[in-house]
Amino acid sequence: MSTRNYQQALYHAFVDAGLTTWLSRLPDQLARGLDRQRFGDLPQWEKAVHKLPTPGGECHVELNADTVAIDAGMSDADRRRSRSLLALLAPWRKGPYRIDDIDIDTEWRSDWKWQRVAPHLSPLKGRRILDVGGGNGYHGWRMAGAGAGLVIVVDPSPRFYWQFLAMRHFIGSAPPVHFVPVGLEDVPPELEYFDTVFSMGVLYHRRSPIDHLLALRDTLRPGGELVLETLVVEGDEHTLLMPGDRYARMPNVWFLPSSAALSHWCRRCGFEDVKVVDEAPTTLDEQRATEWMTFQSLRDFLDPDDPTRTVEGYPAPRRAVLIARRR
């Protein structure tokens, strides 16, 4: 699918959804998010996606299993070509995916996170969903597999945008999943449109986590559901860690609350029925380097003599999932 064709499909989806306020901003958002002057590798990623072979015959697509899988019926030559082109989009961080015999073993076992989250969700069938910081769209495809009526993934990474389009090339246009290369701050304020909003792995990157929670609230219709996953520390509702320049080698980590403090924040921001449905340390089996992500990963971010601490001496990554309802 060409860039022009996908963007036309995106515009049509926004028209059909009645998102006219956002639609008027889309052309500028796409231009900024896919600016070749800002992102020097973007032409290479675009070319790789445009060169992907056309699937042979009728595809079988599985979106409701741990691995987002496409049986595309490609020839051996086309599979080899596809593997080489998909490798140009690396690092692949969220997945896993499979296209014929091409297993994209991503850095994160994102299916494990979905297994922890999914049992606690309101049924997704027919729901309008916003996935904030959704990476290359893995969880968006899983939402579609669960019957969502509309999924809009927002993430400012152009690499993730092209990874998403690579998968959409094979999956096809039938699943109602769309990607806009922007952050939450570019979603029109006070939209009050979505039935469910996901924010997973974003809050700790926000300088103002309260403003992030308020912005998430304003995307939801009254009674809509928030699904929030973030780094936390152990403690009571007054416990909060603000690390120094880096946390687990990440330079952009600001606030790590306890689950109790996070719940308190959500209630103050206009949510009710706040529940922490999962909390656990991140393991070396869930986040690791692979053939498709060869850079440093979690093992390199922990103290080699004490894996319960980061290399900076902070508590090792621990993540909680919180679900709440907008009042």
Protein backbone atom coordinates (compact mmCIF):
# COMPACT_ATOMS: atom_id res chain seq x y z
CA MET A 1 0.00 0.00 0.00
CA SER A 2 1.36 3.44 -0.91
CA THR A 3 1.60 6.25 1.61
CA ARG A 4 -1.04 8.20 -0.27
CA ASN A 5 -3.48 5.27 -0.28
CA TYR A 6 -3.04 4.65 3.44
CA GLN A 7 -3.52 8.29 4.31
CA GLN A 8 -6.68 8.39 2.21
CA ALA A 9 -7.93 5.34 4.11
CA LEU A 10 -7.07 7.12 7.37
CA TYR A 11 -9.05 10.21 6.36
CA HIS A 12 -12.04 8.06 5.39
CA ALA A 13 -11.90 6.26 8.75
CA PHE A 14 -11.97 9.58 10.61
CA VAL A 15 -14.90 10.78 8.51
CA ASP A 16 -16.82 7.57 9.13
CA ALA A 17 -16.08 7.84 12.87
CA GLY A 18 -17.28 11.44 13.02
CA LEU A 19 -13.88 12.68 14.24
CA THR A 20 -14.16 15.91 12.26
CA THR A 21 -12.30 18.05 14.78
CA TRP A 22 -9.31 15.77 14.63
CA LEU A 23 -9.65 15.27 10.87
CA SER A 24 -8.97 18.95 10.23
CA ARG A 25 -5.61 18.60 12.01
CA LEU A 26 -4.52 15.36 10.36
CA PRO A 27 -2.73 16.74 7.27
CA ASP A 28 -0.43 18.92 9.39
CA GLN A 29 0.12 16.13 11.92
CA LEU A 30 1.12 13.66 9.21
CA ALA A 31 3.43 16.22 7.60
CA ARG A 32 5.19 16.90 10.90
CA GLY A 33 5.28 13.30 12.03
CA LEU A 34 6.75 12.08 8.73
CA ASP A 35 9.07 15.02 8.01
CA ARG A 36 12.08 13.75 6.07
CA GLN A 37 14.18 16.68 7.23
CA ARG A 38 13.68 15.63 10.87
CA PHE A 39 14.00 11.87 10.34
CA GLY A 40 16.88 11.00 8.05
CA ASP A 41 16.14 7.25 7.95
CA LEU A 42 12.52 7.74 6.97
CA PRO A 43 13.04 7.39 3.17
CA GLN A 44 14.77 4.02 3.73
CA TRP A 45 11.89 2.73 5.86
CA GLU A 46 9.31 3.96 3.37
CA LYS A 47 11.14 2.33 0.47
CA ALA A 48 11.40 -0.97 2.36
CA VAL A 49 7.65 -1.09 3.00
CA HIS A 50 6.80 -0.16 -0.57
CA LYS A 51 9.03 -3.00 -1.85
CA LEU A 52 7.32 -5.71 0.21
CA PRO A 53 5.96 -8.49 -2.03
CA THR A 54 2.24 -8.85 -2.52
CA PRO A 55 0.84 -11.80 -0.55
CA GLY A 56 0.04 -14.78 -2.75
CA GLY A 57 -3.60 -15.80 -2.94
CA GLU A 58 -5.93 -15.53 0.03
CA CYS A 59 -4.27 -14.66 3.35
CA HIS A 60 -5.24 -16.11 6.69
CA VAL A 61 -4.82 -13.57 9.49
CA GLU A 62 -4.85 -14.38 13.22
CA LEU A 63 -5.18 -11.38 15.53
CA ASN A 64 -6.55 -13.18 18.58
CA ALA A 65 -3.49 -15.23 19.55
CA ASP A 66 -0.20 -14.47 21.28
CA THR A 67 1.56 -14.06 17.95
CA VAL A 68 -0.08 -11.78 15.39
CA ALA A 69 0.21 -14.17 12.46
CA ILE A 70 -0.35 -13.97 8.72
CA ASP A 71 -0.26 -16.97 6.42
CA ALA A 72 0.44 -15.04 3.24
CA GLY A 73 1.21 -17.90 0.88
CA MET A 74 4.37 -16.28 -0.47
CA SER A 75 6.97 -18.06 -2.56
CA ASP A 76 10.36 -18.89 -1.04
CA ALA A 77 11.91 -15.99 -2.94
CA ASP A 78 9.28 -13.54 -1.70
CA ARG A 79 9.71 -14.75 1.88
CA ARG A 80 13.46 -14.18 1.70
CA ARG A 81 12.87 -10.75 0.21
CA SER A 82 10.30 -9.88 2.87
CA ARG A 83 12.66 -10.94 5.69
CA SER A 84 15.41 -8.69 4.34
CA LEU A 85 13.08 -5.73 3.95
CA LEU A 86 11.49 -6.15 7.38
CA ALA A 87 14.98 -6.32 8.91
CA LEU A 88 15.62 -2.80 7.56
CA LEU A 89 12.90 -1.55 9.94
CA ALA A 90 14.71 -2.92 13.02
CA PRO A 91 14.84 -2.62 15.96
CA TRP A 92 11.48 -4.35 16.43
CA ARG A 93 10.46 -3.74 20.04
CA LYS A 94 6.79 -4.78 20.33
CA GLY A 95 5.37 -8.09 19.17
CA PRO A 96 5.67 -11.02 18.40
CA TYR A 97 4.65 -11.30 14.75
CA ARG A 98 4.81 -14.07 12.16
CA ILE A 99 4.46 -13.80 8.39
CA ASP A 100 4.57 -17.27 6.80
CA ASP A 101 7.81 -18.67 8.26
CA ILE A 102 9.25 -15.25 9.22
CA ASP A 103 9.16 -15.08 13.02
CA ILE A 104 9.74 -11.53 14.24
CA ASP A 105 10.99 -12.15 17.77
CA THR A 106 10.68 -8.68 19.27
CA GLU A 107 12.47 -7.21 22.29
CA TRP A 108 9.28 -7.26 24.37
CA ARG A 109 6.99 -10.24 24.78
CA SER A 110 4.06 -7.86 24.45
CA ASP A 111 1.71 -10.83 24.48
CA TRP A 112 2.58 -11.37 28.14
CA LYS A 113 1.43 -7.85 28.96
CA TRP A 114 -1.79 -8.47 27.01
CA GLN A 115 -2.38 -11.68 28.96
CA ARG A 116 -2.14 -9.70 32.20
CA VAL A 117 -4.42 -6.91 30.99
CA ALA A 118 -7.08 -8.64 28.88
CA PRO A 119 -8.97 -10.57 31.61
CA HIS A 120 -9.76 -7.31 33.42
CA LEU A 121 -11.05 -5.26 30.48
CA SER A 122 -14.63 -4.41 29.71
CA PRO A 123 -15.56 -6.44 26.60
CA LEU A 124 -13.90 -4.73 23.62
CA LYS A 125 -16.47 -5.79 21.03
CA GLY A 126 -17.62 -2.74 19.11
CA ARG A 127 -15.71 -0.29 21.31
CA ARG A 128 -13.89 2.81 20.08
CA ILE A 129 -10.34 2.65 21.42
CA LEU A 130 -7.40 5.03 21.62
CA ASP A 131 -3.99 3.39 22.21
CA VAL A 132 -1.58 6.07 23.42
CA GLY A 133 2.11 5.32 22.87
CA GLY A 134 1.06 2.12 21.14
CA GLY A 135 4.43 1.39 19.53
CA ASN A 136 4.13 -0.41 16.20
CA GLY A 137 0.51 -1.36 16.88
CA TYR A 138 0.84 -4.89 18.29
CA HIS A 139 -1.72 -4.27 21.02
CA GLY A 140 -3.93 -2.43 18.54
CA TRP A 141 -4.10 -5.57 16.39
CA ARG A 142 -4.94 -7.62 19.50
CA MET A 143 -7.75 -5.16 20.32
CA ALA A 144 -9.13 -5.67 16.82
CA GLY A 145 -8.85 -9.43 17.34
CA ALA A 146 -11.03 -9.00 20.43
CA GLY A 147 -13.72 -7.31 18.33
CA ALA A 148 -13.01 -3.58 18.73
CA GLY A 149 -15.03 -1.37 16.39
CA LEU A 150 -12.27 1.22 15.91
CA VAL A 151 -8.67 1.41 17.17
CA ILE A 152 -6.53 4.50 16.74
CA VAL A 153 -2.89 4.08 17.71
CA VAL A 154 -0.92 7.25 18.40
CA ASP A 155 2.86 7.18 18.75
CA PRO A 156 5.31 9.86 17.58
CA SER A 157 7.92 7.36 16.30
CA PRO A 158 8.09 7.25 12.47
CA ARG A 159 9.89 3.89 12.70
CA PHE A 160 6.87 2.45 14.49
CA TYR A 161 4.62 4.02 11.85
CA TRP A 162 6.42 2.14 9.09
CA GLN A 163 6.51 -1.08 11.09
CA PHE A 164 2.75 -0.72 11.48
CA LEU A 165 2.31 -0.17 7.73
CA ALA A 166 4.51 -3.18 7.00
CA MET A 167 2.17 -5.36 9.05
CA ARG A 168 -0.91 -3.72 7.55
CA HIS A 169 0.47 -4.55 4.10
CA PHE A 170 0.13 -8.25 4.96
CA ILE A 171 -2.87 -8.09 7.32
CA GLY A 172 -4.93 -5.99 4.91
CA SER A 173 -7.29 -3.09 5.48
CA ALA A 174 -10.24 -5.00 6.95
CA PRO A 175 -9.29 -4.73 10.67
CA PRO A 176 -10.30 -1.22 11.87
CA VAL A 177 -6.83 -0.28 13.18
CA HIS A 178 -5.21 3.03 12.24
CA PHE A 179 -1.98 4.80 13.18
CA VAL A 180 -1.30 8.51 13.57
CA PRO A 181 2.38 9.48 14.18
CA VAL A 182 1.71 11.93 17.01
CA GLY A 183 1.64 12.01 20.81
CA LEU A 184 -1.28 12.47 23.15
CA GLU A 185 -0.69 16.22 23.19
CA ASP A 186 -1.75 16.32 19.52
CA VAL A 187 -5.12 14.67 20.15
CA PRO A 188 -7.76 17.43 20.20
CA PRO A 189 -8.58 18.48 23.78
CA GLU A 190 -11.84 17.52 25.47
CA LEU A 191 -12.65 15.03 22.71
CA GLU A 192 -14.81 12.85 25.02
CA TYR A 193 -15.14 10.27 22.26
CA PHE A 194 -13.49 6.96 23.10
CA ASP A 195 -14.99 4.08 25.05
CA THR A 196 -11.55 2.84 26.16
CA VAL A 197 -8.16 4.51 26.26
CA PHE A 198 -4.92 2.60 26.82
CA SER A 199 -1.73 4.26 28.07
CA MET A 200 0.88 1.56 28.57
CA GLY A 201 4.52 2.44 29.18
CA VAL A 202 4.05 6.20 28.82
CA LEU A 203 3.29 7.84 32.17
CA TYR A 204 6.84 7.65 33.54
CA HIS A 205 8.10 9.55 30.50
CA ARG A 206 5.81 12.53 31.23
CA ARG A 207 7.20 15.52 33.10
CA SER A 208 3.70 16.19 34.36
CA PRO A 209 1.97 12.86 35.03
CA ILE A 210 -1.12 14.64 36.35
CA ASP A 211 -1.54 16.52 33.08
CA HIS A 212 -1.17 13.20 31.24
CA LEU A 213 -3.95 11.65 33.32
CA LEU A 214 -6.20 14.66 32.75
CA ALA A 215 -5.57 14.49 29.00
CA LEU A 216 -6.39 10.77 28.98
CA ARG A 217 -9.60 11.50 30.88
CA ASP A 218 -10.63 14.10 28.32
CA THR A 219 -10.35 11.64 25.43
CA LEU A 220 -12.96 9.40 27.11
CA ARG A 221 -16.72 9.65 27.03
CA PRO A 222 -18.31 9.79 30.49
CA GLY A 223 -18.16 6.26 31.89
CA GLY A 224 -15.32 5.32 29.53
CA GLU A 225 -12.53 3.03 30.70
CA LEU A 226 -8.88 3.92 31.34
CA VAL A 227 -6.25 1.17 31.09
CA LEU A 228 -2.99 2.46 32.55
CA GLU A 229 0.28 0.52 32.75
CA THR A 230 3.42 2.15 34.11
CA LEU A 231 6.55 1.70 36.20
CA VAL A 232 5.91 1.76 39.93
CA VAL A 233 7.77 1.30 43.20
CA GLU A 234 6.65 -0.48 46.33
CA GLY A 235 5.15 1.66 49.09
CA ASP A 236 2.07 3.45 50.38
CA GLU A 237 0.06 6.28 48.79
CA HIS A 238 2.74 8.80 49.79
CA THR A 239 5.61 6.90 48.11
CA LEU A 240 7.14 8.40 44.98
CA LEU A 241 10.55 7.99 43.32
CA MET A 242 11.96 10.75 41.13
CA PRO A 243 15.25 9.35 39.79
CA GLY A 244 18.28 11.36 38.77
CA ASP A 245 19.39 11.89 35.19
CA ARG A 246 18.79 8.25 34.28
CA TYR A 247 16.75 5.28 35.40
CA ALA A 248 17.76 1.88 33.97
CA ARG A 249 19.87 3.89 31.52
CA MET A 250 16.77 5.75 30.28
CA PRO A 251 17.27 9.54 30.31
CA ASN A 252 13.59 10.51 30.21
CA VAL A 253 12.08 8.92 33.32
CA TRP A 254 10.46 11.36 35.72
CA PHE A 255 8.09 9.93 38.33
CA LEU A 256 7.63 6.37 39.61
CA PRO A 257 4.77 6.31 42.13
CA SER A 258 3.62 3.38 44.21
CA SER A 259 0.43 1.70 43.00
CA ALA A 260 -1.39 3.27 45.93
CA ALA A 261 -0.14 6.75 45.01
CA LEU A 262 -1.04 6.16 41.36
CA SER A 263 -4.56 5.17 42.36
CA HIS A 264 -4.82 8.35 44.42
CA TRP A 265 -3.70 10.43 41.44
CA CYS A 266 -6.37 8.83 39.26
CA ARG A 267 -9.14 9.52 41.75
CA ARG A 268 -8.02 13.15 42.02
CA CYS A 269 -8.10 13.40 38.21
CA GLY A 270 -11.74 12.42 37.86
CA PHE A 271 -11.68 8.61 37.74
CA GLU A 272 -13.60 6.17 39.90
CA ASP A 273 -13.75 2.39 40.40
CA VAL A 274 -9.95 2.52 40.39
CA LYS A 275 -8.41 -0.97 40.59
CA VAL A 276 -4.82 -2.19 40.43
CA VAL A 277 -5.30 -5.48 38.60
CA ASP A 278 -1.67 -6.55 38.24
CA GLU A 279 1.74 -5.67 39.63
CA ALA A 280 4.98 -7.54 39.01
CA PRO A 281 8.71 -7.07 38.32
CA THR A 282 9.78 -7.04 34.68
CA THR A 283 11.77 -10.20 33.95
CA LEU A 284 14.70 -10.90 31.64
CA ASP A 285 12.46 -13.28 29.71
CA GLU A 286 9.90 -10.58 28.96
CA GLN A 287 12.34 -7.88 27.79
CA ARG A 288 15.54 -8.98 26.07
CA ALA A 289 17.78 -8.59 23.04
CA THR A 290 16.90 -10.73 20.01
CA GLU A 291 17.85 -11.17 16.38
CA TRP A 292 15.31 -8.43 15.57
CA MET A 293 16.49 -6.07 18.35
CA THR A 294 20.24 -6.43 18.80
CA PHE A 295 20.87 -3.41 21.02
CA GLN A 296 21.13 -3.30 24.81
CA SER A 297 18.07 -4.47 26.72
CA LEU A 298 16.97 -5.06 30.30
CA ARG A 299 19.92 -7.30 31.27
CA ASP A 300 22.27 -4.40 30.49
CA PHE A 301 20.24 -1.98 32.60
CA LEU A 302 20.44 -3.97 35.85
CA ASP A 303 23.24 -4.19 38.42
CA PRO A 304 25.18 -7.34 37.40
CA ASP A 305 25.72 -8.19 41.06
CA ASP A 306 22.15 -7.46 42.21
CA PRO A 307 19.39 -7.84 39.61
CA THR A 308 16.88 -6.31 42.03
CA ARG A 309 18.56 -2.92 41.39
CA THR A 310 19.21 -0.88 38.28
CA VAL A 311 22.77 0.05 37.32
CA GLU A 312 22.11 3.40 39.03
CA GLY A 313 21.07 1.68 42.27
CA TYR A 314 17.30 2.21 42.04
CA PRO A 315 14.73 -0.57 42.45
CA ALA A 316 14.59 -2.71 39.29
CA PRO A 317 11.68 -2.10 36.88
CA ARG A 318 8.32 -3.08 38.34
CA ARG A 319 5.10 -2.49 36.43
CA ALA A 320 1.50 -2.15 37.49
CA VAL A 321 -1.75 -2.23 35.51
CA LEU A 322 -4.55 0.01 36.74
CA ILE A 323 -8.09 0.14 35.36
CA ALA A 324 -10.50 2.96 36.15
CA ARG A 325 -13.67 4.58 34.88
CA ARG A 326 -14.17 8.21 34.00
CA ARG A 327 -16.77 9.89 36.18
